[in-house]
Amino acid sequence: MHKHAHKMHKTSGYVPVFKARGVCNRNAKERYLEILSFQHFAKFTTFTTDGDDFRNKELRNKIDVSVVLDMECVDMFAQCFE
């Protein structure tokens, strides 16, 4: 064991290889949890995908922003009995 591994784990969020826990079975589901949604107002130019011509420029005034957490739910109980 590395003599600074425990200290690094507490202070920097680093998880040493010997303490990491992997998911062995593939019984996991991904879910997105939206924690914040807002509009940022700024003028910018974008290109639209209108039909075959992708060179349509559009001036826009706002950007829709969504902040989400990518959550992974794993059935750890089933892994204990395999």
Protein backbone atom coordinates (compact mmCIF):
# COMPACT_ATOMS: atom_id res chain seq x y z
CA MET A 1 0.00 0.00 0.00
CA HIS A 2 1.25 3.45 -0.89
CA LYS A 3 1.96 5.44 2.28
CA HIS A 4 0.13 8.55 0.97
CA ALA A 5 -2.86 6.74 -0.58
CA HIS A 6 -5.18 7.30 2.38
CA LYS A 7 -4.27 10.99 2.55
CA MET A 8 -4.78 11.48 -1.20
CA HIS A 9 -8.18 9.80 -1.00
CA LYS A 10 -9.42 12.23 1.64
CA THR A 11 -7.99 15.50 0.32
CA SER A 12 -8.16 15.38 -3.47
CA GLY A 13 -10.96 12.94 -4.26
CA TYR A 14 -8.43 10.53 -5.82
CA VAL A 15 -9.44 6.88 -5.50
CA PRO A 16 -6.43 4.53 -5.56
CA VAL A 17 -6.64 1.45 -7.77
CA PHE A 18 -6.77 -0.90 -4.79
CA LYS A 19 -9.82 0.93 -3.36
CA ALA A 20 -11.75 1.31 -6.63
CA ARG A 21 -14.90 -0.73 -7.01
CA GLY A 22 -15.96 -1.74 -10.52
CA VAL A 23 -19.29 -2.92 -11.81
CA CYS A 24 -18.96 -6.57 -12.77
CA ASN A 25 -22.48 -7.27 -13.94
CA ARG A 26 -24.18 -5.22 -16.64
CA ASN A 27 -27.43 -4.68 -14.72
CA ALA A 28 -26.99 -0.89 -14.72
CA LYS A 29 -29.38 1.82 -15.90
CA GLU A 30 -28.38 5.32 -16.91
CA ARG A 31 -30.59 8.24 -15.95
CA TYR A 32 -30.17 11.97 -16.36
CA LEU A 33 -31.30 14.24 -13.54
CA GLU A 34 -31.79 17.88 -14.52
CA ILE A 35 -30.68 20.13 -11.67
CA LEU A 36 -30.78 23.51 -13.41
CA SER A 37 -32.42 24.96 -16.51
CA PHE A 38 -32.13 28.57 -17.68
CA GLN A 39 -31.78 30.84 -20.70
CA HIS A 40 -28.59 32.80 -21.32
CA PHE A 41 -29.20 35.94 -23.37
CA ALA A 42 -26.47 36.73 -25.88
CA LYS A 43 -26.43 37.52 -29.59
CA PHE A 44 -24.73 34.88 -31.73
CA THR A 45 -24.86 33.46 -35.24
CA THR A 46 -25.68 29.83 -35.94
CA PHE A 47 -26.28 27.68 -38.99
CA THR A 48 -29.60 25.89 -39.48
CA THR A 49 -30.14 22.52 -41.13
CA ASP A 50 -32.97 23.54 -43.45
CA GLY A 51 -33.33 20.83 -46.10
CA ASP A 52 -30.25 20.17 -48.23
CA ASP A 53 -28.77 23.67 -47.79
CA PHE A 54 -26.80 23.75 -44.51
CA ARG A 55 -25.52 27.30 -45.04
CA ASN A 56 -28.51 29.16 -43.68
CA LYS A 57 -27.23 31.68 -41.14
CA GLU A 58 -29.49 32.72 -38.30
CA LEU A 59 -29.03 35.43 -35.70
CA ARG A 60 -30.18 34.25 -32.28
CA ASN A 61 -30.59 36.10 -28.99
CA LYS A 62 -30.62 33.34 -26.38
CA ILE A 63 -29.15 29.95 -25.53
CA ASP A 64 -31.14 27.33 -23.62
CA VAL A 65 -28.89 25.79 -20.96
CA SER A 66 -29.62 22.59 -19.08
CA VAL A 67 -27.32 21.26 -16.33
CA VAL A 68 -27.77 17.54 -15.76
CA LEU A 69 -26.22 14.79 -13.65
CA ASP A 70 -25.49 11.51 -15.40
CA MET A 71 -26.59 8.97 -12.78
CA GLU A 72 -25.93 5.28 -13.02
CA CYS A 73 -28.06 3.00 -10.87
CA VAL A 74 -26.56 -0.43 -10.19
CA ASP A 75 -28.13 -3.37 -8.42
CA MET A 76 -25.35 -4.12 -5.92
CA PHE A 77 -27.53 -6.53 -3.93
CA ALA A 78 -27.65 -9.03 -6.82
CA GLN A 79 -23.85 -8.91 -7.16
CA CYS A 80 -23.37 -10.07 -3.57
CA PHE A 81 -25.08 -13.41 -4.23
CA GLU A 82 -23.52 -14.29 -7.59
